[in-house]
mmCIF file of all heavy atoms, coordinates in Angstrom:
data_MODEL
# 
_entry.id   MODEL 
# 
loop_
_atom_site.group_PDB 
_atom_site.id 
_atom_site.type_symbol 
_atom_site.label_atom_id 
_atom_site.label_alt_id 
_atom_site.label_comp_id 
_atom_site.label_asym_id 
_atom_site.label_entity_id 
_atom_site.label_seq_id 
_atom_site.pdbx_PDB_ins_code 
_atom_site.Cartn_x 
_atom_site.Cartn_y 
_atom_site.Cartn_z 
_atom_site.occupancy 
_atom_site.B_iso_or_equiv 
_atom_site.pdbx_formal_charge 
_atom_site.auth_seq_id 
_atom_site.auth_comp_id 
_atom_site.auth_asym_id 
_atom_site.auth_atom_id 
_atom_site.pdbx_PDB_model_num 
ATOM 1   N N   . MET A 1 1  ? 257.399 103.548 169.435 1.00 0.00 ? 1  MET A N   1 
ATOM 2   C CA  . MET A 1 1  ? 255.968 103.628 169.036 1.00 0.00 ? 1  MET A CA  1 
ATOM 3   C C   . MET A 1 1  ? 255.403 102.312 169.095 1.00 0.00 ? 1  MET A C   1 
ATOM 4   O O   . MET A 1 1  ? 255.794 101.309 168.537 1.00 0.00 ? 1  MET A O   1 
ATOM 5   C CB  . MET A 1 1  ? 255.971 104.091 167.541 1.00 0.00 ? 1  MET A CB  1 
ATOM 6   C CG  . MET A 1 1  ? 256.388 105.609 167.352 1.00 0.00 ? 1  MET A CG  1 
ATOM 7   S SD  . MET A 1 1  ? 256.067 106.201 165.744 1.00 0.00 ? 1  MET A SD  1 
ATOM 8   C CE  . MET A 1 1  ? 254.182 106.480 165.737 1.00 0.00 ? 1  MET A CE  1 
ATOM 9   N N   . SER A 1 2  ? 254.225 102.207 169.734 1.00 0.00 ? 2  SER A N   1 
ATOM 10  C CA  . SER A 1 2  ? 253.532 100.932 169.779 1.00 0.00 ? 2  SER A CA  1 
ATOM 11  C C   . SER A 1 2  ? 252.661 100.831 168.546 1.00 0.00 ? 2  SER A C   1 
ATOM 12  O O   . SER A 1 2  ? 252.454 101.757 167.813 1.00 0.00 ? 2  SER A O   1 
ATOM 13  C CB  . SER A 1 2  ? 252.583 100.954 171.027 1.00 0.00 ? 2  SER A CB  1 
ATOM 14  O OG  . SER A 1 2  ? 251.621 101.884 170.855 1.00 0.00 ? 2  SER A OG  1 
ATOM 15  N N   . ALA A 1 3  ? 252.194 99.664  168.245 1.00 0.00 ? 3  ALA A N   1 
ATOM 16  C CA  . ALA A 1 3  ? 251.296 99.475  167.152 1.00 0.00 ? 3  ALA A CA  1 
ATOM 17  C C   . ALA A 1 3  ? 250.084 100.353 167.201 1.00 0.00 ? 3  ALA A C   1 
ATOM 18  O O   . ALA A 1 3  ? 249.661 100.811 166.122 1.00 0.00 ? 3  ALA A O   1 
ATOM 19  C CB  . ALA A 1 3  ? 250.790 98.005  167.005 1.00 0.00 ? 3  ALA A CB  1 
ATOM 20  N N   . GLU A 1 4  ? 249.571 100.559 168.367 1.00 0.00 ? 4  GLU A N   1 
ATOM 21  C CA  . GLU A 1 4  ? 248.314 101.416 168.564 1.00 0.00 ? 4  GLU A CA  1 
ATOM 22  C C   . GLU A 1 4  ? 248.822 102.955 168.250 1.00 0.00 ? 4  GLU A C   1 
ATOM 23  O O   . GLU A 1 4  ? 247.928 103.560 167.547 1.00 0.00 ? 4  GLU A O   1 
ATOM 24  C CB  . GLU A 1 4  ? 247.906 101.350 170.004 1.00 0.00 ? 4  GLU A CB  1 
ATOM 25  C CG  . GLU A 1 4  ? 247.209 100.116 170.160 1.00 0.00 ? 4  GLU A CG  1 
ATOM 26  C CD  . GLU A 1 4  ? 248.251 98.909  170.592 1.00 0.00 ? 4  GLU A CD  1 
ATOM 27  O OE1 . GLU A 1 4  ? 249.427 99.349  170.760 1.00 0.00 ? 4  GLU A OE1 1 
ATOM 28  O OE2 . GLU A 1 4  ? 247.838 97.812  170.588 1.00 0.00 ? 4  GLU A OE2 1 
ATOM 29  N N   . GLN A 1 5  ? 249.958 103.414 168.600 1.00 0.00 ? 5  GLN A N   1 
ATOM 30  C CA  . GLN A 1 5  ? 250.376 104.729 168.319 1.00 0.00 ? 5  GLN A CA  1 
ATOM 31  C C   . GLN A 1 5  ? 250.557 104.903 166.839 1.00 0.00 ? 5  GLN A C   1 
ATOM 32  O O   . GLN A 1 5  ? 250.181 105.962 166.239 1.00 0.00 ? 5  GLN A O   1 
ATOM 33  C CB  . GLN A 1 5  ? 251.691 104.991 169.027 1.00 0.00 ? 5  GLN A CB  1 
ATOM 34  C CG  . GLN A 1 5  ? 251.439 105.188 170.496 1.00 0.00 ? 5  GLN A CG  1 
ATOM 35  C CD  . GLN A 1 5  ? 252.880 105.386 171.348 1.00 0.00 ? 5  GLN A CD  1 
ATOM 36  O OE1 . GLN A 1 5  ? 253.637 104.642 170.966 1.00 0.00 ? 5  GLN A OE1 1 
ATOM 37  N NE2 . GLN A 1 5  ? 252.783 106.217 172.248 1.00 0.00 ? 5  GLN A NE2 1 
ATOM 38  N N   . VAL A 1 6  ? 251.101 103.907 166.204 1.00 0.00 ? 6  VAL A N   1 
ATOM 39  C CA  . VAL A 1 6  ? 251.368 103.943 164.730 1.00 0.00 ? 6  VAL A CA  1 
ATOM 40  C C   . VAL A 1 6  ? 249.999 104.127 163.988 1.00 0.00 ? 6  VAL A C   1 
ATOM 41  O O   . VAL A 1 6  ? 249.690 104.932 163.144 1.00 0.00 ? 6  VAL A O   1 
ATOM 42  C CB  . VAL A 1 6  ? 252.172 102.672 164.180 1.00 0.00 ? 6  VAL A CB  1 
ATOM 43  C CG1 . VAL A 1 6  ? 252.160 102.752 162.720 1.00 0.00 ? 6  VAL A CG1 1 
ATOM 44  C CG2 . VAL A 1 6  ? 253.566 102.863 164.733 1.00 0.00 ? 6  VAL A CG2 1 
ATOM 45  N N   . GLN A 1 7  ? 249.078 103.239 164.458 1.00 0.00 ? 7  GLN A N   1 
ATOM 46  C CA  . GLN A 1 7  ? 247.708 103.201 163.815 1.00 0.00 ? 7  GLN A CA  1 
ATOM 47  C C   . GLN A 1 7  ? 247.087 104.524 164.066 1.00 0.00 ? 7  GLN A C   1 
ATOM 48  O O   . GLN A 1 7  ? 246.463 105.027 163.224 1.00 0.00 ? 7  GLN A O   1 
ATOM 49  C CB  . GLN A 1 7  ? 247.021 102.103 164.467 1.00 0.00 ? 7  GLN A CB  1 
ATOM 50  C CG  . GLN A 1 7  ? 245.553 102.009 163.961 1.00 0.00 ? 7  GLN A CG  1 
ATOM 51  C CD  . GLN A 1 7  ? 245.495 101.390 162.532 1.00 0.00 ? 7  GLN A CD  1 
ATOM 52  O OE1 . GLN A 1 7  ? 246.409 100.829 162.020 1.00 0.00 ? 7  GLN A OE1 1 
ATOM 53  N NE2 . GLN A 1 7  ? 244.361 101.644 161.769 1.00 0.00 ? 7  GLN A NE2 1 
ATOM 54  N N   . ALA A 1 8  ? 247.289 105.122 165.228 1.00 0.00 ? 8  ALA A N   1 
ATOM 55  C CA  . ALA A 1 8  ? 246.644 106.358 165.518 1.00 0.00 ? 8  ALA A CA  1 
ATOM 56  C C   . ALA A 1 8  ? 247.131 107.522 164.618 1.00 0.00 ? 8  ALA A C   1 
ATOM 57  O O   . ALA A 1 8  ? 246.397 108.364 164.136 1.00 0.00 ? 8  ALA A O   1 
ATOM 58  C CB  . ALA A 1 8  ? 246.851 106.842 166.961 1.00 0.00 ? 8  ALA A CB  1 
ATOM 59  N N   . VAL A 1 9  ? 248.524 107.507 164.486 1.00 0.00 ? 9  VAL A N   1 
ATOM 60  C CA  . VAL A 1 9  ? 249.095 108.509 163.514 1.00 0.00 ? 9  VAL A CA  1 
ATOM 61  C C   . VAL A 1 9  ? 248.580 108.377 162.090 1.00 0.00 ? 9  VAL A C   1 
ATOM 62  O O   . VAL A 1 9  ? 248.168 109.384 161.398 1.00 0.00 ? 9  VAL A O   1 
ATOM 63  C CB  . VAL A 1 9  ? 250.646 108.312 163.509 1.00 0.00 ? 9  VAL A CB  1 
ATOM 64  C CG1 . VAL A 1 9  ? 251.258 109.206 162.418 1.00 0.00 ? 9  VAL A CG1 1 
ATOM 65  C CG2 . VAL A 1 9  ? 251.173 108.711 164.882 1.00 0.00 ? 9  VAL A CG2 1 
ATOM 66  N N   . VAL A 1 10 ? 248.455 107.217 161.620 1.00 0.00 ? 10 VAL A N   1 
ATOM 67  C CA  . VAL A 1 10 ? 247.916 106.953 160.272 1.00 0.00 ? 10 VAL A CA  1 
ATOM 68  C C   . VAL A 1 10 ? 246.460 107.456 160.175 1.00 0.00 ? 10 VAL A C   1 
ATOM 69  O O   . VAL A 1 10 ? 245.985 108.068 159.146 1.00 0.00 ? 10 VAL A O   1 
ATOM 70  C CB  . VAL A 1 10 ? 248.177 105.404 159.874 1.00 0.00 ? 10 VAL A CB  1 
ATOM 71  C CG1 . VAL A 1 10 ? 247.468 105.236 158.540 1.00 0.00 ? 10 VAL A CG1 1 
ATOM 72  C CG2 . VAL A 1 10 ? 249.584 105.064 159.827 1.00 0.00 ? 10 VAL A CG2 1 
ATOM 73  N N   . GLU A 1 11 ? 245.657 106.937 161.000 1.00 0.00 ? 11 GLU A N   1 
ATOM 74  C CA  . GLU A 1 11 ? 244.372 107.336 161.111 1.00 0.00 ? 11 GLU A CA  1 
ATOM 75  C C   . GLU A 1 11 ? 244.012 108.770 161.180 1.00 0.00 ? 11 GLU A C   1 
ATOM 76  O O   . GLU A 1 11 ? 243.152 109.418 160.444 1.00 0.00 ? 11 GLU A O   1 
ATOM 77  C CB  . GLU A 1 11 ? 243.520 106.621 162.098 1.00 0.00 ? 11 GLU A CB  1 
ATOM 78  C CG  . GLU A 1 11 ? 243.500 105.130 161.822 1.00 0.00 ? 11 GLU A CG  1 
ATOM 79  C CD  . GLU A 1 11 ? 242.946 104.679 160.426 1.00 0.00 ? 11 GLU A CD  1 
ATOM 80  O OE1 . GLU A 1 11 ? 242.134 105.457 159.927 1.00 0.00 ? 11 GLU A OE1 1 
ATOM 81  O OE2 . GLU A 1 11 ? 243.559 103.720 159.881 1.00 0.00 ? 11 GLU A OE2 1 
ATOM 82  N N   . ARG A 1 12 ? 244.885 109.547 161.863 1.00 0.00 ? 12 ARG A N   1 
ATOM 83  C CA  . ARG A 1 12 ? 244.821 110.935 162.116 1.00 0.00 ? 12 ARG A CA  1 
ATOM 84  C C   . ARG A 1 12 ? 244.949 111.675 160.760 1.00 0.00 ? 12 ARG A C   1 
ATOM 85  O O   . ARG A 1 12 ? 244.315 112.589 160.369 1.00 0.00 ? 12 ARG A O   1 
ATOM 86  C CB  . ARG A 1 12 ? 245.665 111.489 163.144 1.00 0.00 ? 12 ARG A CB  1 
ATOM 87  C CG  . ARG A 1 12 ? 245.717 112.950 163.406 1.00 0.00 ? 12 ARG A CG  1 
ATOM 88  C CD  . ARG A 1 12 ? 244.425 113.337 163.990 1.00 0.00 ? 12 ARG A CD  1 
ATOM 89  N NE  . ARG A 1 12 ? 244.148 114.711 164.229 1.00 0.00 ? 12 ARG A NE  1 
ATOM 90  C CZ  . ARG A 1 12 ? 244.715 115.523 165.301 1.00 0.00 ? 12 ARG A CZ  1 
ATOM 91  N NH1 . ARG A 1 12 ? 245.372 114.835 166.110 1.00 0.00 ? 12 ARG A NH1 1 
ATOM 92  N NH2 . ARG A 1 12 ? 244.540 116.752 165.347 1.00 0.00 ? 12 ARG A NH2 1 
ATOM 93  N N   . LEU A 1 13 ? 246.029 111.121 160.075 1.00 0.00 ? 13 LEU A N   1 
ATOM 94  C CA  . LEU A 1 13 ? 246.389 111.677 158.779 1.00 0.00 ? 13 LEU A CA  1 
ATOM 95  C C   . LEU A 1 13 ? 245.283 111.398 157.743 1.00 0.00 ? 13 LEU A C   1 
ATOM 96  O O   . LEU A 1 13 ? 244.847 112.399 156.976 1.00 0.00 ? 13 LEU A O   1 
ATOM 97  C CB  . LEU A 1 13 ? 247.654 111.167 158.232 1.00 0.00 ? 13 LEU A CB  1 
ATOM 98  C CG  . LEU A 1 13 ? 248.175 111.609 156.795 1.00 0.00 ? 13 LEU A CG  1 
ATOM 99  C CD1 . LEU A 1 13 ? 248.310 113.170 156.745 1.00 0.00 ? 13 LEU A CD1 1 
ATOM 100 C CD2 . LEU A 1 13 ? 249.388 110.992 156.369 1.00 0.00 ? 13 LEU A CD2 1 
ATOM 101 N N   . ALA A 1 14 ? 244.681 110.220 157.717 1.00 0.00 ? 14 ALA A N   1 
ATOM 102 C CA  . ALA A 1 14 ? 243.640 109.923 156.918 1.00 0.00 ? 14 ALA A CA  1 
ATOM 103 C C   . ALA A 1 14 ? 242.476 110.741 157.090 1.00 0.00 ? 14 ALA A C   1 
ATOM 104 O O   . ALA A 1 14 ? 241.799 111.204 156.127 1.00 0.00 ? 14 ALA A O   1 
ATOM 105 C CB  . ALA A 1 14 ? 243.292 108.339 157.037 1.00 0.00 ? 14 ALA A CB  1 
ATOM 106 N N   . GLU A 1 15 ? 242.193 111.011 158.371 1.00 0.00 ? 15 GLU A N   1 
ATOM 107 C CA  . GLU A 1 15 ? 241.037 111.922 158.753 1.00 0.00 ? 15 GLU A CA  1 
ATOM 108 C C   . GLU A 1 15 ? 241.305 113.447 158.234 1.00 0.00 ? 15 GLU A C   1 
ATOM 109 O O   . GLU A 1 15 ? 240.287 113.951 157.732 1.00 0.00 ? 15 GLU A O   1 
ATOM 110 C CB  . GLU A 1 15 ? 240.817 111.926 160.192 1.00 0.00 ? 15 GLU A CB  1 
ATOM 111 C CG  . GLU A 1 15 ? 239.791 112.835 160.619 1.00 0.00 ? 15 GLU A CG  1 
ATOM 112 C CD  . GLU A 1 15 ? 239.735 113.027 162.251 1.00 0.00 ? 15 GLU A CD  1 
ATOM 113 O OE1 . GLU A 1 15 ? 240.349 112.118 162.848 1.00 0.00 ? 15 GLU A OE1 1 
ATOM 114 O OE2 . GLU A 1 15 ? 238.994 113.855 162.712 1.00 0.00 ? 15 GLU A OE2 1 
ATOM 115 N N   . LYS A 1 16 ? 242.451 113.906 158.391 1.00 0.00 ? 16 LYS A N   1 
ATOM 116 C CA  . LYS A 1 16 ? 242.692 115.188 157.823 1.00 0.00 ? 16 LYS A CA  1 
ATOM 117 C C   . LYS A 1 16 ? 242.587 115.292 156.226 1.00 0.00 ? 16 LYS A C   1 
ATOM 118 O O   . LYS A 1 16 ? 242.216 116.298 155.818 1.00 0.00 ? 16 LYS A O   1 
ATOM 119 C CB  . LYS A 1 16 ? 244.141 115.609 158.313 1.00 0.00 ? 16 LYS A CB  1 
ATOM 120 C CG  . LYS A 1 16 ? 244.220 115.979 159.887 1.00 0.00 ? 16 LYS A CG  1 
ATOM 121 C CD  . LYS A 1 16 ? 243.226 117.065 160.187 1.00 0.00 ? 16 LYS A CD  1 
ATOM 122 C CE  . LYS A 1 16 ? 243.218 117.365 161.721 1.00 0.00 ? 16 LYS A CE  1 
ATOM 123 N NZ  . LYS A 1 16 ? 242.082 118.418 161.936 1.00 0.00 ? 16 LYS A NZ  1 
ATOM 124 N N   . LEU A 1 17 ? 243.125 114.271 155.654 1.00 0.00 ? 17 LEU A N   1 
ATOM 125 C CA  . LEU A 1 17 ? 242.987 114.201 154.270 1.00 0.00 ? 17 LEU A CA  1 
ATOM 126 C C   . LEU A 1 17 ? 241.525 114.127 153.803 1.00 0.00 ? 17 LEU A C   1 
ATOM 127 O O   . LEU A 1 17 ? 241.301 114.730 152.621 1.00 0.00 ? 17 LEU A O   1 
ATOM 128 C CB  . LEU A 1 17 ? 243.827 113.094 153.643 1.00 0.00 ? 17 LEU A CB  1 
ATOM 129 C CG  . LEU A 1 17 ? 245.425 113.287 153.739 1.00 0.00 ? 17 LEU A CG  1 
ATOM 130 C CD1 . LEU A 1 17 ? 246.154 112.090 153.410 1.00 0.00 ? 17 LEU A CD1 1 
ATOM 131 C CD2 . LEU A 1 17 ? 245.775 114.467 152.765 1.00 0.00 ? 17 LEU A CD2 1 
ATOM 132 N N   . ARG A 1 18 ? 240.645 113.361 154.481 1.00 0.00 ? 18 ARG A N   1 
ATOM 133 C CA  . ARG A 1 18 ? 239.298 113.387 154.220 1.00 0.00 ? 18 ARG A CA  1 
ATOM 134 C C   . ARG A 1 18 ? 238.678 114.898 154.336 1.00 0.00 ? 18 ARG A C   1 
ATOM 135 O O   . ARG A 1 18 ? 237.803 115.355 153.523 1.00 0.00 ? 18 ARG A O   1 
ATOM 136 C CB  . ARG A 1 18 ? 238.563 112.495 155.017 1.00 0.00 ? 18 ARG A CB  1 
ATOM 137 C CG  . ARG A 1 18 ? 238.740 111.071 154.682 1.00 0.00 ? 18 ARG A CG  1 
ATOM 138 C CD  . ARG A 1 18 ? 237.646 110.107 155.378 1.00 0.00 ? 18 ARG A CD  1 
ATOM 139 N NE  . ARG A 1 18 ? 238.030 110.146 156.819 1.00 0.00 ? 18 ARG A NE  1 
ATOM 140 C CZ  . ARG A 1 18 ? 238.789 109.177 157.363 1.00 0.00 ? 18 ARG A CZ  1 
ATOM 141 N NH1 . ARG A 1 18 ? 239.426 108.280 156.683 1.00 0.00 ? 18 ARG A NH1 1 
ATOM 142 N NH2 . ARG A 1 18 ? 238.987 109.155 158.721 1.00 0.00 ? 18 ARG A NH2 1 
ATOM 143 N N   . GLU A 1 19 ? 239.289 115.681 155.182 1.00 0.00 ? 19 GLU A N   1 
ATOM 144 C CA  . GLU A 1 19 ? 238.740 117.067 155.417 1.00 0.00 ? 19 GLU A CA  1 
ATOM 145 C C   . GLU A 1 19 ? 239.289 118.048 154.414 1.00 0.00 ? 19 GLU A C   1 
ATOM 146 O O   . GLU A 1 19 ? 238.750 119.012 153.878 1.00 0.00 ? 19 GLU A O   1 
ATOM 147 C CB  . GLU A 1 19 ? 239.010 117.589 156.844 1.00 0.00 ? 19 GLU A CB  1 
ATOM 148 C CG  . GLU A 1 19 ? 238.304 116.758 157.928 1.00 0.00 ? 19 GLU A CG  1 
ATOM 149 C CD  . GLU A 1 19 ? 238.927 117.175 159.260 1.00 0.00 ? 19 GLU A CD  1 
ATOM 150 O OE1 . GLU A 1 19 ? 239.809 118.094 159.325 1.00 0.00 ? 19 GLU A OE1 1 
ATOM 151 O OE2 . GLU A 1 19 ? 238.416 116.556 160.332 1.00 0.00 ? 19 GLU A OE2 1 
ATOM 152 N N   . ARG A 1 20 ? 240.633 117.703 154.052 1.00 0.00 ? 20 ARG A N   1 
ATOM 153 C CA  . ARG A 1 20 ? 241.282 118.619 153.114 1.00 0.00 ? 20 ARG A CA  1 
ATOM 154 C C   . ARG A 1 20 ? 242.069 117.679 152.016 1.00 0.00 ? 20 ARG A C   1 
ATOM 155 O O   . ARG A 1 20 ? 243.306 117.455 152.201 1.00 0.00 ? 20 ARG A O   1 
ATOM 156 C CB  . ARG A 1 20 ? 242.287 119.359 153.946 1.00 0.00 ? 20 ARG A CB  1 
ATOM 157 C CG  . ARG A 1 20 ? 241.680 120.400 154.880 1.00 0.00 ? 20 ARG A CG  1 
ATOM 158 C CD  . ARG A 1 20 ? 242.775 121.211 155.689 1.00 0.00 ? 20 ARG A CD  1 
ATOM 159 N NE  . ARG A 1 20 ? 243.383 122.197 154.673 1.00 0.00 ? 20 ARG A NE  1 
ATOM 160 C CZ  . ARG A 1 20 ? 244.415 123.034 155.016 1.00 0.00 ? 20 ARG A CZ  1 
ATOM 161 N NH1 . ARG A 1 20 ? 244.896 122.970 156.295 1.00 0.00 ? 20 ARG A NH1 1 
ATOM 162 N NH2 . ARG A 1 20 ? 245.027 123.733 154.104 1.00 0.00 ? 20 ARG A NH2 1 
ATOM 163 N N   . PRO A 1 21 ? 241.304 117.257 151.080 1.00 0.00 ? 21 PRO A N   1 
ATOM 164 C CA  . PRO A 1 21 ? 241.933 116.255 150.271 1.00 0.00 ? 21 PRO A CA  1 
ATOM 165 C C   . PRO A 1 21 ? 242.972 116.733 149.121 1.00 0.00 ? 21 PRO A C   1 
ATOM 166 O O   . PRO A 1 21 ? 243.658 115.975 148.602 1.00 0.00 ? 21 PRO A O   1 
ATOM 167 C CB  . PRO A 1 21 ? 240.650 115.735 149.563 1.00 0.00 ? 21 PRO A CB  1 
ATOM 168 C CG  . PRO A 1 21 ? 239.701 116.790 149.458 1.00 0.00 ? 21 PRO A CG  1 
ATOM 169 C CD  . PRO A 1 21 ? 239.867 117.516 150.762 1.00 0.00 ? 21 PRO A CD  1 
ATOM 170 N N   . ASP A 1 22 ? 242.990 118.056 148.902 1.00 0.00 ? 22 ASP A N   1 
ATOM 171 C CA  . ASP A 1 22 ? 243.852 118.565 147.772 1.00 0.00 ? 22 ASP A CA  1 
ATOM 172 C C   . ASP A 1 22 ? 245.304 118.714 148.567 1.00 0.00 ? 22 ASP A C   1 
ATOM 173 O O   . ASP A 1 22 ? 245.900 119.848 148.535 1.00 0.00 ? 22 ASP A O   1 
ATOM 174 C CB  . ASP A 1 22 ? 243.363 119.951 147.385 1.00 0.00 ? 22 ASP A CB  1 
ATOM 175 C CG  . ASP A 1 22 ? 241.982 119.778 146.660 1.00 0.00 ? 22 ASP A CG  1 
ATOM 176 O OD1 . ASP A 1 22 ? 241.946 118.779 146.005 1.00 0.00 ? 22 ASP A OD1 1 
ATOM 177 O OD2 . ASP A 1 22 ? 241.210 120.661 146.711 1.00 0.00 ? 22 ASP A OD2 1 
ATOM 178 N N   . ASP A 1 23 ? 245.900 117.649 148.829 1.00 0.00 ? 23 ASP A N   1 
ATOM 179 C CA  . ASP A 1 23 ? 247.245 117.735 149.319 1.00 0.00 ? 23 ASP A CA  1 
ATOM 180 C C   . ASP A 1 23 ? 247.989 116.364 148.940 1.00 0.00 ? 23 ASP A C   1 
ATOM 181 O O   . ASP A 1 23 ? 247.966 115.344 149.638 1.00 0.00 ? 23 ASP A O   1 
ATOM 182 C CB  . ASP A 1 23 ? 247.116 117.612 150.995 1.00 0.00 ? 23 ASP A CB  1 
ATOM 183 C CG  . ASP A 1 23 ? 248.447 117.647 151.711 1.00 0.00 ? 23 ASP A CG  1 
ATOM 184 O OD1 . ASP A 1 23 ? 249.475 117.717 150.939 1.00 0.00 ? 23 ASP A OD1 1 
ATOM 185 O OD2 . ASP A 1 23 ? 248.552 117.600 152.854 1.00 0.00 ? 23 ASP A OD2 1 
ATOM 186 N N   . PRO A 1 24 ? 248.610 116.478 147.732 1.00 0.00 ? 24 PRO A N   1 
ATOM 187 C CA  . PRO A 1 24 ? 249.323 115.273 147.169 1.00 0.00 ? 24 PRO A CA  1 
ATOM 188 C C   . PRO A 1 24 ? 250.460 114.730 148.144 1.00 0.00 ? 24 PRO A C   1 
ATOM 189 O O   . PRO A 1 24 ? 250.634 113.536 148.190 1.00 0.00 ? 24 PRO A O   1 
ATOM 190 C CB  . PRO A 1 24 ? 249.866 115.829 145.908 1.00 0.00 ? 24 PRO A CB  1 
ATOM 191 C CG  . PRO A 1 24 ? 249.929 117.319 145.930 1.00 0.00 ? 24 PRO A CG  1 
ATOM 192 C CD  . PRO A 1 24 ? 248.749 117.694 146.822 1.00 0.00 ? 24 PRO A CD  1 
ATOM 193 N N   . GLU A 1 25 ? 251.049 115.629 148.812 1.00 0.00 ? 25 GLU A N   1 
ATOM 194 C CA  . GLU A 1 25 ? 252.191 115.149 149.657 1.00 0.00 ? 25 GLU A CA  1 
ATOM 195 C C   . GLU A 1 25 ? 251.626 114.404 150.886 1.00 0.00 ? 25 GLU A C   1 
ATOM 196 O O   . GLU A 1 25 ? 252.189 113.389 151.207 1.00 0.00 ? 25 GLU A O   1 
ATOM 197 C CB  . GLU A 1 25 ? 252.887 116.404 150.225 1.00 0.00 ? 25 GLU A CB  1 
ATOM 198 C CG  . GLU A 1 25 ? 253.791 117.165 149.194 1.00 0.00 ? 25 GLU A CG  1 
ATOM 199 C CD  . GLU A 1 25 ? 254.872 116.268 148.671 1.00 0.00 ? 25 GLU A CD  1 
ATOM 200 O OE1 . GLU A 1 25 ? 255.525 115.453 149.323 1.00 0.00 ? 25 GLU A OE1 1 
ATOM 201 O OE2 . GLU A 1 25 ? 255.140 116.468 147.363 1.00 0.00 ? 25 GLU A OE2 1 
ATOM 202 N N   . GLY A 1 26 ? 250.430 114.810 151.467 1.00 0.00 ? 26 GLY A N   1 
ATOM 203 C CA  . GLY A 1 26 ? 249.816 114.031 152.392 1.00 0.00 ? 26 GLY A CA  1 
ATOM 204 C C   . GLY A 1 26 ? 249.307 112.644 151.961 1.00 0.00 ? 26 GLY A C   1 
ATOM 205 O O   . GLY A 1 26 ? 249.474 111.709 152.638 1.00 0.00 ? 26 GLY A O   1 
ATOM 206 N N   . TRP A 1 27 ? 248.762 112.736 150.735 1.00 0.00 ? 27 TRP A N   1 
ATOM 207 C CA  . TRP A 1 27 ? 248.312 111.374 150.156 1.00 0.00 ? 27 TRP A CA  1 
ATOM 208 C C   . TRP A 1 27 ? 249.462 110.436 149.922 1.00 0.00 ? 27 TRP A C   1 
ATOM 209 O O   . TRP A 1 27 ? 249.373 109.295 150.151 1.00 0.00 ? 27 TRP A O   1 
ATOM 210 C CB  . TRP A 1 27 ? 247.514 111.605 148.830 1.00 0.00 ? 27 TRP A CB  1 
ATOM 211 C CG  . TRP A 1 27 ? 246.145 112.015 149.083 1.00 0.00 ? 27 TRP A CG  1 
ATOM 212 C CD1 . TRP A 1 27 ? 245.612 113.427 148.670 1.00 0.00 ? 27 TRP A CD1 1 
ATOM 213 C CD2 . TRP A 1 27 ? 245.023 111.390 149.716 1.00 0.00 ? 27 TRP A CD2 1 
ATOM 214 N NE1 . TRP A 1 27 ? 244.261 113.449 149.016 1.00 0.00 ? 27 TRP A NE1 1 
ATOM 215 C CE2 . TRP A 1 27 ? 243.869 112.247 149.637 1.00 0.00 ? 27 TRP A CE2 1 
ATOM 216 C CE3 . TRP A 1 27 ? 244.899 110.198 150.270 1.00 0.00 ? 27 TRP A CE3 1 
ATOM 217 C CZ2 . TRP A 1 27 ? 242.605 111.895 150.123 1.00 0.00 ? 27 TRP A CZ2 1 
ATOM 218 C CZ3 . TRP A 1 27 ? 243.607 109.821 150.677 1.00 0.00 ? 27 TRP A CZ3 1 
ATOM 219 C CH2 . TRP A 1 27 ? 242.633 110.720 150.723 1.00 0.00 ? 27 TRP A CH2 1 
# 
């Protein structure tokens, strides 16, 4: 995994949690 790929994974999860915040495991 490159730094860019890691960053993309993290930001994708952050985006999904903004859409569906009621997910303690995701947070």
